[in-house]
């Protein structure tokens, strides 16, 4: 890792980003909130925001991180909406 908490993107660092991405996405799918998910996966708020900025600029490794987080957020919303629809069906009976 570099001094600012970001991995330097060699082979092992790319693997590290992929592992962190997987943990963050698992947490997003559970709770939906990006920052809380990052913290639960061991990524500080500062690093989480930095990674998002780098990803939005298209930097390798970080762009995949941002895309995966967006997909996880969509998955969370789909599950939330499916659950909400189930609840509405029970209420209307």
N, C-alpha and C. Protein backbone atom coordinates (compact mmCIF):
# COMPACT_ATOMS: atom_id res chain seq x y z
N UNK A 1 0.84 -1.19 0.00
CA UNK A 1 0.00 0.00 0.00
C UNK A 1 0.87 1.24 0.00
N UNK A 2 0.35 2.28 -0.62
CA UNK A 2 1.06 3.56 -0.60
C UNK A 2 0.80 4.25 0.73
N UNK A 3 1.45 5.39 0.93
CA UNK A 3 1.28 6.12 2.19
C UNK A 3 -0.13 6.65 2.40
N UNK A 4 -0.89 6.86 1.31
CA UNK A 4 -2.23 7.41 1.46
C UNK A 4 -3.31 6.33 1.59
N UNK A 5 -2.90 5.06 1.70
CA UNK A 5 -3.86 3.99 1.90
C UNK A 5 -4.32 3.32 0.63
N UNK A 6 -3.90 3.82 -0.52
CA UNK A 6 -4.28 3.21 -1.79
C UNK A 6 -3.24 2.19 -2.20
N UNK A 7 -3.67 1.04 -2.70
CA UNK A 7 -2.70 0.10 -3.21
C UNK A 7 -2.00 0.67 -4.45
N UNK A 8 -0.73 0.36 -4.59
CA UNK A 8 -0.02 0.66 -5.82
C UNK A 8 -0.35 -0.50 -6.74
N UNK A 9 -0.77 -0.22 -7.96
CA UNK A 9 -1.39 -1.25 -8.76
C UNK A 9 -0.43 -2.20 -9.47
N UNK A 10 0.18 -3.08 -8.70
CA UNK A 10 0.89 -4.22 -9.24
C UNK A 10 -0.08 -5.39 -9.21
N UNK A 11 0.39 -6.59 -9.53
CA UNK A 11 -0.50 -7.75 -9.56
C UNK A 11 -1.14 -8.03 -8.22
N UNK A 12 -0.35 -8.00 -7.14
CA UNK A 12 -0.93 -8.30 -5.82
C UNK A 12 -1.87 -7.19 -5.37
N UNK A 13 -1.56 -5.95 -5.73
CA UNK A 13 -2.42 -4.83 -5.34
C UNK A 13 -3.74 -4.87 -6.10
N UNK A 14 -3.68 -5.27 -7.37
CA UNK A 14 -4.92 -5.41 -8.14
C UNK A 14 -5.79 -6.48 -7.51
N UNK A 15 -5.17 -7.56 -7.05
CA UNK A 15 -5.89 -8.62 -6.36
C UNK A 15 -6.48 -8.08 -5.06
N UNK A 16 -5.72 -7.24 -4.35
CA UNK A 16 -6.21 -6.64 -3.10
C UNK A 16 -7.44 -5.78 -3.37
N UNK A 17 -7.40 -4.96 -4.42
CA UNK A 17 -8.56 -4.13 -4.76
C UNK A 17 -9.75 -5.02 -5.08
N UNK A 18 -9.53 -6.10 -5.82
CA UNK A 18 -10.62 -7.02 -6.16
C UNK A 18 -11.23 -7.64 -4.91
N UNK A 19 -10.39 -8.02 -3.95
CA UNK A 19 -10.89 -8.61 -2.71
C UNK A 19 -11.68 -7.59 -1.89
N UNK A 20 -11.17 -6.38 -1.82
CA UNK A 20 -11.88 -5.32 -1.09
C UNK A 20 -13.20 -5.00 -1.80
N UNK A 21 -13.15 -4.95 -3.12
CA UNK A 21 -14.36 -4.69 -3.91
C UNK A 21 -15.42 -5.73 -3.60
N UNK A 22 -15.03 -6.98 -3.53
CA UNK A 22 -15.98 -8.06 -3.23
C UNK A 22 -16.60 -7.86 -1.85
N UNK A 23 -15.78 -7.53 -0.85
CA UNK A 23 -16.29 -7.32 0.51
C UNK A 23 -17.23 -6.11 0.56
N UNK A 24 -16.84 -5.02 -0.10
CA UNK A 24 -17.68 -3.81 -0.10
C UNK A 24 -19.02 -4.12 -0.77
N UNK A 25 -18.98 -4.81 -1.90
CA UNK A 25 -20.22 -5.12 -2.61
C UNK A 25 -21.14 -6.03 -1.80
N UNK A 26 -20.57 -6.98 -1.09
CA UNK A 26 -21.38 -7.83 -0.20
C UNK A 26 -22.10 -6.98 0.84
N UNK A 27 -21.37 -6.01 1.40
CA UNK A 27 -21.97 -5.13 2.41
C UNK A 27 -23.02 -4.20 1.79
N UNK A 28 -22.77 -3.70 0.60
CA UNK A 28 -23.76 -2.85 -0.07
C UNK A 28 -25.05 -3.63 -0.27
N UNK A 29 -24.93 -4.87 -0.70
CA UNK A 29 -26.12 -5.69 -0.94
C UNK A 29 -26.90 -5.95 0.34
N UNK A 30 -26.22 -5.91 1.48
CA UNK A 30 -26.89 -6.10 2.78
C UNK A 30 -27.55 -4.83 3.27
N UNK A 31 -26.87 -3.67 3.12
CA UNK A 31 -27.35 -2.45 3.77
C UNK A 31 -27.58 -1.27 2.84
N UNK A 32 -27.06 -1.31 1.62
CA UNK A 32 -27.35 -0.29 0.64
C UNK A 32 -26.53 0.99 0.68
N UNK A 33 -25.91 1.31 1.79
CA UNK A 33 -25.21 2.58 1.92
C UNK A 33 -23.72 2.38 1.61
N UNK A 34 -23.23 3.11 0.61
CA UNK A 34 -21.85 2.97 0.14
C UNK A 34 -20.83 3.17 1.26
N UNK A 35 -20.89 4.28 1.97
CA UNK A 35 -19.89 4.58 2.99
C UNK A 35 -19.95 3.58 4.13
N UNK A 36 -21.13 3.25 4.60
CA UNK A 36 -21.24 2.26 5.67
C UNK A 36 -20.68 0.91 5.21
N UNK A 37 -20.98 0.55 3.98
CA UNK A 37 -20.48 -0.72 3.43
C UNK A 37 -18.95 -0.71 3.36
N UNK A 38 -18.39 0.41 2.91
CA UNK A 38 -16.93 0.52 2.83
C UNK A 38 -16.32 0.38 4.22
N UNK A 39 -16.87 1.07 5.20
CA UNK A 39 -16.34 0.98 6.56
C UNK A 39 -16.48 -0.44 7.11
N UNK A 40 -17.60 -1.09 6.85
CA UNK A 40 -17.79 -2.46 7.33
C UNK A 40 -16.78 -3.42 6.68
N UNK A 41 -16.36 -3.09 5.47
CA UNK A 41 -15.38 -3.92 4.75
C UNK A 41 -13.94 -3.53 5.08
N UNK A 42 -13.77 -2.53 5.95
CA UNK A 42 -12.43 -2.13 6.38
C UNK A 42 -11.81 -1.00 5.60
N UNK A 43 -12.59 -0.30 4.80
CA UNK A 43 -12.09 0.83 4.01
C UNK A 43 -12.55 2.12 4.71
N UNK A 44 -11.62 3.02 4.99
CA UNK A 44 -11.98 4.27 5.66
C UNK A 44 -12.81 5.15 4.73
N UNK A 45 -13.53 6.11 5.32
CA UNK A 45 -14.32 7.06 4.51
C UNK A 45 -13.43 7.80 3.52
N UNK A 46 -12.28 8.25 4.00
CA UNK A 46 -11.37 9.00 3.15
C UNK A 46 -10.94 8.17 1.95
N UNK A 47 -10.55 6.94 2.19
CA UNK A 47 -10.12 6.06 1.10
C UNK A 47 -11.30 5.73 0.19
N UNK A 48 -12.48 5.50 0.77
CA UNK A 48 -13.66 5.19 -0.03
C UNK A 48 -13.98 6.33 -1.01
N UNK A 49 -13.94 7.56 -0.54
CA UNK A 49 -14.20 8.69 -1.42
C UNK A 49 -13.09 8.85 -2.47
N UNK A 50 -11.85 8.62 -2.06
CA UNK A 50 -10.73 8.73 -2.99
C UNK A 50 -10.85 7.68 -4.10
N UNK A 51 -11.18 6.45 -3.71
CA UNK A 51 -11.33 5.39 -4.69
C UNK A 51 -12.47 5.72 -5.65
N UNK A 52 -13.57 6.28 -5.13
CA UNK A 52 -14.69 6.63 -6.01
C UNK A 52 -14.26 7.69 -7.02
N UNK A 53 -13.54 8.71 -6.55
CA UNK A 53 -13.07 9.77 -7.47
C UNK A 53 -12.15 9.18 -8.54
N UNK A 54 -11.23 8.33 -8.12
CA UNK A 54 -10.31 7.71 -9.09
C UNK A 54 -11.08 6.85 -10.08
N UNK A 55 -12.05 6.12 -9.59
CA UNK A 55 -12.86 5.27 -10.47
C UNK A 55 -13.67 6.07 -11.45
N UNK A 56 -14.23 7.18 -11.00
CA UNK A 56 -15.02 8.03 -11.89
C UNK A 56 -14.15 8.68 -12.97
N UNK A 57 -12.85 8.79 -12.68
CA UNK A 57 -11.91 9.29 -13.69
C UNK A 57 -11.45 8.19 -14.62
N UNK A 58 -11.84 6.94 -14.34
CA UNK A 58 -11.50 5.82 -15.20
C UNK A 58 -10.16 5.16 -14.90
N UNK A 59 -9.59 5.42 -13.72
CA UNK A 59 -8.31 4.81 -13.39
C UNK A 59 -8.47 3.30 -13.23
N UNK A 60 -7.56 2.52 -13.82
CA UNK A 60 -7.65 1.06 -13.76
C UNK A 60 -7.74 0.56 -12.31
N UNK A 61 -8.53 -0.47 -12.12
CA UNK A 61 -8.76 -1.03 -10.79
C UNK A 61 -9.86 -0.28 -10.07
N UNK A 62 -9.76 1.01 -10.03
CA UNK A 62 -10.74 1.83 -9.33
C UNK A 62 -12.03 1.97 -10.14
N UNK A 63 -11.92 2.01 -11.46
CA UNK A 63 -13.12 2.09 -12.31
C UNK A 63 -13.96 0.83 -12.11
N UNK A 64 -13.30 -0.33 -12.03
CA UNK A 64 -14.01 -1.58 -11.80
C UNK A 64 -14.65 -1.59 -10.41
N UNK A 65 -13.96 -0.99 -9.45
CA UNK A 65 -14.50 -0.88 -8.10
C UNK A 65 -15.81 -0.09 -8.11
N UNK A 66 -15.79 1.07 -8.76
CA UNK A 66 -16.99 1.92 -8.81
C UNK A 66 -18.13 1.21 -9.54
N UNK A 67 -17.83 0.58 -10.66
CA UNK A 67 -18.86 -0.13 -11.41
C UNK A 67 -19.47 -1.25 -10.56
N UNK A 68 -18.62 -2.02 -9.89
CA UNK A 68 -19.12 -3.11 -9.05
C UNK A 68 -20.00 -2.57 -7.92
N UNK A 69 -19.61 -1.45 -7.33
CA UNK A 69 -20.41 -0.84 -6.27
C UNK A 69 -21.77 -0.37 -6.80
N UNK A 70 -21.78 0.19 -7.99
CA UNK A 70 -23.05 0.63 -8.59
C UNK A 70 -23.96 -0.56 -8.85
N UNK A 71 -23.40 -1.65 -9.37
CA UNK A 71 -24.19 -2.85 -9.63
C UNK A 71 -24.73 -3.42 -8.31
N UNK A 72 -23.90 -3.44 -7.27
CA UNK A 72 -24.35 -3.92 -5.96
C UNK A 72 -25.48 -3.05 -5.41
N UNK A 73 -25.38 -1.74 -5.63
CA UNK A 73 -26.44 -0.83 -5.19
C UNK A 73 -27.75 -1.12 -5.92
N UNK A 74 -27.66 -1.38 -7.21
CA UNK A 74 -28.85 -1.74 -7.99
C UNK A 74 -29.45 -3.04 -7.46
N UNK A 75 -28.58 -4.02 -7.18
CA UNK A 75 -29.06 -5.29 -6.61
C UNK A 75 -29.76 -5.07 -5.28
N UNK A 76 -29.19 -4.20 -4.44
CA UNK A 76 -29.82 -3.89 -3.17
C UNK A 76 -31.20 -3.27 -3.40
N UNK A 77 -31.28 -2.32 -4.32
CA UNK A 77 -32.56 -1.64 -4.58
C UNK A 77 -33.60 -2.61 -5.13
N UNK A 78 -33.19 -3.52 -6.00
CA UNK A 78 -34.12 -4.52 -6.53
C UNK A 78 -34.68 -5.38 -5.40
N UNK A 79 -33.79 -5.83 -4.51
CA UNK A 79 -34.23 -6.65 -3.38
C UNK A 79 -35.14 -5.85 -2.46
N UNK A 80 -34.79 -4.60 -2.21
CA UNK A 80 -35.60 -3.74 -1.36
C UNK A 80 -36.99 -3.54 -1.96
N UNK A 81 -37.03 -3.27 -3.26
CA UNK A 81 -38.32 -3.04 -3.93
C UNK A 81 -39.15 -4.32 -3.95
N UNK A 82 -38.52 -5.45 -4.16
CA UNK A 82 -39.25 -6.72 -4.15
C UNK A 82 -39.86 -6.95 -2.77
N UNK A 83 -39.08 -6.67 -1.73
CA UNK A 83 -39.58 -6.81 -0.36
C UNK A 83 -40.70 -5.82 -0.09
N UNK A 84 -40.56 -4.59 -0.56
CA UNK A 84 -41.60 -3.57 -0.36
C UNK A 84 -42.89 -3.98 -1.05
N UNK A 85 -42.77 -4.53 -2.25
CA UNK A 85 -43.96 -4.99 -2.97
C UNK A 85 -44.65 -6.12 -2.23
N UNK A 86 -43.89 -7.02 -1.63
CA UNK A 86 -44.47 -8.10 -0.84
C UNK A 86 -45.25 -7.53 0.35
N UNK A 87 -44.69 -6.52 0.99
CA UNK A 87 -45.33 -5.90 2.14
C UNK A 87 -46.63 -5.23 1.73
N UNK A 88 -46.63 -4.52 0.58
CA UNK A 88 -47.84 -3.85 0.11
C UNK A 88 -48.94 -4.86 -0.18
N UNK A 89 -48.57 -6.02 -0.74
CA UNK A 89 -49.58 -7.05 -1.02
C UNK A 89 -50.26 -7.53 0.25
N UNK A 90 -49.51 -7.66 1.33
CA UNK A 90 -50.07 -8.10 2.62
C UNK A 90 -50.98 -7.02 3.18
N UNK A 91 -50.58 -5.75 3.07
CA UNK A 91 -51.40 -4.65 3.59
C UNK A 91 -52.74 -4.54 2.88
N UNK A 92 -52.78 -4.80 1.59
CA UNK A 92 -54.01 -4.57 0.83
C UNK A 92 -55.02 -5.71 0.99
N UNK A 93 -54.63 -6.80 1.63
CA UNK A 93 -55.56 -7.93 1.79
C UNK A 93 -56.59 -7.70 2.84
